[in-house]
Amino acid sequence: MDKNNLPTINLKGKQYVMVHDRLVFFNETFLNGSIITDIHYKDDGSYAWVTATVRPDVVNVERKFIAHSSGPVDEEKALEKLETVAVGRALAYMGIGIIESIASADEMKIWIDSKKPKIQKKESMAKIDNLESPPLPTPPF
């Protein structure tokens, strides 16, 4: 398997490689490699940042590829998504699975999905704003 000939998916007209395909290539090619993630939280736990460190060979500790990801931890699987983005970027910095962008298909899906709820919320709020409230009852005093 060639690192630049991994399976891709089309998102918004561009080809992206999934992180799991980058991981499979890494694990099959770099048998003495390692991937380590460190997760840090804001004091109240509402925000996290992940650092991923990829070493193609654990004997040569100076050769490493580091990437970061951060965001709110306010939905199901938010932390896993942040970790996936960081690992995918670190593998891309190593040159694995770069077609048109460093971003992975996973990262782009997360970004695209993050835009959908905001649009739906705005539309819902506009509908609510256009509703007329019934008159309040007059107190009996």
C-alpha atoms as a PDB file:
ATOM      1  CA  MET A   1       0.000   0.000   0.000  1.00  0.00           C
ATOM      2  CA  ASP A   2       1.347   3.443  -0.994  1.00  0.00           C
ATOM      3  CA  LYS A   3       0.933   6.296   1.508  1.00  0.00           C
ATOM      4  CA  ASN A   4      -0.402   8.580  -1.219  1.00  0.00           C
ATOM      5  CA  ASN A   5      -2.717   6.002  -2.780  1.00  0.00           C
ATOM      6  CA  LEU A   6      -5.028   5.325   0.160  1.00  0.00           C
ATOM      7  CA  PRO A   7      -8.818   5.115  -0.263  1.00  0.00           C
ATOM      8  CA  THR A   8     -10.517   8.521  -0.367  1.00  0.00           C
ATOM      9  CA  ILE A   9     -13.964   9.992  -0.021  1.00  0.00           C
ATOM     10  CA  ASN A  10     -15.294  13.081  -1.743  1.00  0.00           C
ATOM     11  CA  LEU A  11     -16.435  15.941   0.481  1.00  0.00           C
ATOM     12  CA  LYS A  12     -17.490  19.202  -1.126  1.00  0.00           C
ATOM     13  CA  GLY A  13     -15.597  18.336  -4.323  1.00  0.00           C
ATOM     14  CA  LYS A  14     -12.268  17.422  -2.698  1.00  0.00           C
ATOM     15  CA  GLN A  15     -10.731  14.026  -1.942  1.00  0.00           C
ATOM     16  CA  TYR A  16      -9.878  13.199   1.677  1.00  0.00           C
ATOM     17  CA  VAL A  17      -8.392  10.138   3.366  1.00  0.00           C
ATOM     18  CA  MET A  18     -10.057   8.757   6.504  1.00  0.00           C
ATOM     19  CA  VAL A  19      -7.956   8.661   9.675  1.00  0.00           C
ATOM     20  CA  HIS A  20      -8.494   4.911  10.054  1.00  0.00           C
ATOM     21  CA  ASP A  21      -6.861   4.372   6.635  1.00  0.00           C
ATOM     22  CA  ARG A  22      -3.904   6.523   7.705  1.00  0.00           C
ATOM     23  CA  LEU A  23      -3.675   4.459  10.920  1.00  0.00           C
ATOM     24  CA  VAL A  24      -3.765   1.127   9.086  1.00  0.00           C
ATOM     25  CA  PHE A  25      -0.978   2.289   6.759  1.00  0.00           C
ATOM     26  CA  PHE A  26       1.086   3.534   9.715  1.00  0.00           C
ATOM     27  CA  ASN A  27       0.671   0.298  11.690  1.00  0.00           C
ATOM     28  CA  GLU A  28       1.470  -1.919   8.698  1.00  0.00           C
ATOM     29  CA  THR A  29       4.485   0.145   7.615  1.00  0.00           C
ATOM     30  CA  PHE A  30       6.081   1.382  10.835  1.00  0.00           C
ATOM     31  CA  LEU A  31       6.182  -1.718  13.003  1.00  0.00           C
ATOM     32  CA  ASN A  32       8.414  -0.016  15.554  1.00  0.00           C
ATOM     33  CA  GLY A  33       6.370   3.198  15.598  1.00  0.00           C
ATOM     34  CA  SER A  34       4.136   4.709  18.237  1.00  0.00           C
ATOM     35  CA  ILE A  35       1.225   7.102  18.577  1.00  0.00           C
ATOM     36  CA  ILE A  36       0.689   8.813  21.916  1.00  0.00           C
ATOM     37  CA  THR A  37      -2.081  11.261  22.764  1.00  0.00           C
ATOM     38  CA  ASP A  38      -2.201  13.650  25.703  1.00  0.00           C
ATOM     39  CA  ILE A  39      -5.529  15.159  26.724  1.00  0.00           C
ATOM     40  CA  HIS A  40      -5.865  18.329  28.774  1.00  0.00           C
ATOM     41  CA  TYR A  41      -9.044  19.955  30.071  1.00  0.00           C
ATOM     42  CA  LYS A  42     -10.116  23.423  31.054  1.00  0.00           C
ATOM     43  CA  ASP A  43     -10.729  23.568  34.833  1.00  0.00           C
ATOM     44  CA  ASP A  44     -14.490  23.083  34.493  1.00  0.00           C
ATOM     45  CA  GLY A  45     -14.106  20.235  31.960  1.00  0.00           C
ATOM     46  CA  SER A  46     -16.056  22.072  29.261  1.00  0.00           C
ATOM     47  CA  TYR A  47     -13.124  22.443  26.858  1.00  0.00           C
ATOM     48  CA  ALA A  48     -10.280  20.101  25.907  1.00  0.00           C
ATOM     49  CA  TRP A  49      -7.184  20.081  23.788  1.00  0.00           C
ATOM     50  CA  VAL A  50      -5.436  16.994  22.508  1.00  0.00           C
ATOM     51  CA  THR A  51      -1.820  16.626  21.467  1.00  0.00           C
ATOM     52  CA  ALA A  52      -0.911  13.652  19.285  1.00  0.00           C
ATOM     53  CA  THR A  53       2.716  12.594  18.895  1.00  0.00           C
ATOM     54  CA  VAL A  54       3.607  10.125  16.143  1.00  0.00           C
ATOM     55  CA  ARG A  55       7.026   8.476  16.072  1.00  0.00           C
ATOM     56  CA  PRO A  56       7.831   6.302  13.039  1.00  0.00           C
ATOM     57  CA  ASP A  57      10.544   4.556  15.067  1.00  0.00           C
ATOM     58  CA  VAL A  58      10.615   4.582  18.872  1.00  0.00           C
ATOM     59  CA  VAL A  59      14.395   4.100  18.802  1.00  0.00           C
ATOM     60  CA  ASN A  60      14.835   7.477  17.080  1.00  0.00           C
ATOM     61  CA  VAL A  61      12.887   9.583  19.597  1.00  0.00           C
ATOM     62  CA  GLU A  62      14.001  12.865  17.998  1.00  0.00           C
ATOM     63  CA  ARG A  63      11.992  12.152  14.828  1.00  0.00           C
ATOM     64  CA  LYS A  64       8.413  12.905  15.714  1.00  0.00           C
ATOM     65  CA  PHE A  65       5.338  14.547  14.252  1.00  0.00           C
ATOM     66  CA  ILE A  66       3.076  16.507  16.587  1.00  0.00           C
ATOM     67  CA  ALA A  67      -0.420  17.873  15.996  1.00  0.00           C
ATOM     68  CA  HIS A  68      -3.079  19.452  18.162  1.00  0.00           C
ATOM     69  CA  SER A  69      -6.847  19.691  18.245  1.00  0.00           C
ATOM     70  CA  SER A  70      -9.091  21.593  20.626  1.00  0.00           C
ATOM     71  CA  GLY A  71     -12.735  22.329  21.194  1.00  0.00           C
ATOM     72  CA  PRO A  72     -15.697  22.193  23.520  1.00  0.00           C
ATOM     73  CA  VAL A  73     -16.598  18.901  25.180  1.00  0.00           C
ATOM     74  CA  ASP A  74     -20.320  19.478  24.900  1.00  0.00           C
ATOM     75  CA  GLU A  75     -21.646  16.568  22.888  1.00  0.00           C
ATOM     76  CA  GLU A  76     -21.404  12.800  22.686  1.00  0.00           C
ATOM     77  CA  LYS A  77     -18.021  11.560  21.465  1.00  0.00           C
ATOM     78  CA  ALA A  78     -16.567  15.117  21.397  1.00  0.00           C
ATOM     79  CA  LEU A  79     -13.317  13.993  23.015  1.00  0.00           C
ATOM     80  CA  GLU A  80     -12.919  11.052  20.637  1.00  0.00           C
ATOM     81  CA  LYS A  81     -13.445  13.387  17.690  1.00  0.00           C
ATOM     82  CA  LEU A  82     -10.771  15.789  18.980  1.00  0.00           C
ATOM     83  CA  GLU A  83      -8.347  12.894  19.426  1.00  0.00           C
ATOM     84  CA  THR A  84      -9.082  11.568  15.931  1.00  0.00           C
ATOM     85  CA  VAL A  85      -8.420  14.988  14.392  1.00  0.00           C
ATOM     86  CA  ALA A  86      -5.097  15.355  16.246  1.00  0.00           C
ATOM     87  CA  VAL A  87      -3.897  11.854  15.288  1.00  0.00           C
ATOM     88  CA  GLY A  88      -5.009  12.297  11.677  1.00  0.00           C
ATOM     89  CA  ARG A  89      -3.115  15.584  11.395  1.00  0.00           C
ATOM     90  CA  ALA A  90       0.050  14.153  12.964  1.00  0.00           C
ATOM     91  CA  LEU A  91      -0.027  11.278  10.464  1.00  0.00           C
ATOM     92  CA  ALA A  92      -0.572  13.770   7.648  1.00  0.00           C
ATOM     93  CA  TYR A  93       2.421  15.828   8.837  1.00  0.00           C
ATOM     94  CA  MET A  94       4.350  12.597   8.412  1.00  0.00           C
ATOM     95  CA  GLY A  95       3.122  12.563   4.805  1.00  0.00           C
ATOM     96  CA  ILE A  96       0.541   9.794   5.128  1.00  0.00           C
ATOM     97  CA  GLY A  97      -2.674  10.218   3.151  1.00  0.00           C
ATOM     98  CA  ILE A  98      -2.221  13.728   1.821  1.00  0.00           C
ATOM     99  CA  ILE A  99      -4.248  14.118  -1.363  1.00  0.00           C
ATOM    100  CA  GLU A 100      -5.494  17.711  -1.500  1.00  0.00           C
ATOM    101  CA  SER A 101      -5.184  18.735   2.135  1.00  0.00           C
ATOM    102  CA  ILE A 102      -3.628  17.943   5.508  1.00  0.00           C
ATOM    103  CA  ALA A 103      -7.190  17.649   6.848  1.00  0.00           C
ATOM    104  CA  SER A 104      -8.638  14.156   6.987  1.00  0.00           C
ATOM    105  CA  ALA A 105     -12.103  13.118   5.861  1.00  0.00           C
ATOM    106  CA  ASP A 106     -12.992  12.695   9.550  1.00  0.00           C
ATOM    107  CA  GLU A 107     -11.933  16.255  10.323  1.00  0.00           C
ATOM    108  CA  MET A 108     -13.876  17.668   7.383  1.00  0.00           C
ATOM    109  CA  LYS A 109     -17.022  15.708   8.337  1.00  0.00           C
ATOM    110  CA  ILE A 110     -16.801  17.109  11.873  1.00  0.00           C
ATOM    111  CA  TRP A 111     -16.386  20.627  10.504  1.00  0.00           C
ATOM    112  CA  ILE A 112     -19.291  20.263   8.049  1.00  0.00           C
ATOM    113  CA  ASP A 113     -21.533  18.753  10.736  1.00  0.00           C
ATOM    114  CA  SER A 114     -20.637  21.541  13.164  1.00  0.00           C
ATOM    115  CA  LYS A 115     -22.092  24.070  10.739  1.00  0.00           C
ATOM    116  CA  LYS A 116     -25.477  22.319  10.359  1.00  0.00           C
ATOM    117  CA  PRO A 117     -26.912  22.776  13.881  1.00  0.00           C
ATOM    118  CA  LYS A 118     -26.088  26.490  13.902  1.00  0.00           C
ATOM    119  CA  ILE A 119     -28.027  27.028  10.690  1.00  0.00           C
ATOM    120  CA  GLN A 120     -30.979  24.980  11.946  1.00  0.00           C
ATOM    121  CA  LYS A 121     -30.982  26.887  15.246  1.00  0.00           C
ATOM    122  CA  LYS A 122     -31.082  30.237  13.452  1.00  0.00           C
ATOM    123  CA  GLU A 123     -33.991  29.071  11.277  1.00  0.00           C
ATOM    124  CA  SER A 124     -35.867  27.792  14.348  1.00  0.00           C
ATOM    125  CA  MET A 125     -35.283  31.042  16.212  1.00  0.00           C
ATOM    126  CA  ALA A 126     -36.589  33.035  13.228  1.00  0.00           C
ATOM    127  CA  LYS A 127     -39.774  30.961  13.276  1.00  0.00           C
ATOM    128  CA  ILE A 128     -40.163  31.532  17.010  1.00  0.00           C
ATOM    129  CA  ASP A 129     -39.589  35.270  16.605  1.00  0.00           C
ATOM    130  CA  ASN A 130     -42.418  35.427  14.043  1.00  0.00           C
ATOM    131  CA  LEU A 131     -44.974  33.797  16.361  1.00  0.00           C
ATOM    132  CA  GLU A 132     -47.465  36.015  18.110  1.00  0.00           C
ATOM    133  CA  SER A 133     -47.851  35.483  21.831  1.00  0.00           C
ATOM    134  CA  PRO A 134     -51.369  35.224  23.238  1.00  0.00           C
ATOM    135  CA  PRO A 135     -52.306  38.115  25.521  1.00  0.00           C
ATOM    136  CA  LEU A 136     -51.457  37.622  29.181  1.00  0.00           C
ATOM    137  CA  PRO A 137     -54.450  37.077  31.461  1.00  0.00           C
ATOM    138  CA  THR A 138     -55.486  39.999  33.630  1.00  0.00           C
ATOM    139  CA  PRO A 139     -54.866  39.325  37.325  1.00  0.00           C
ATOM    140  CA  PRO A 140     -58.083  39.007  39.371  1.00  0.00           C
ATOM    141  CA  PHE A 141     -57.407  41.852  41.840  1.00  0.00           C
END
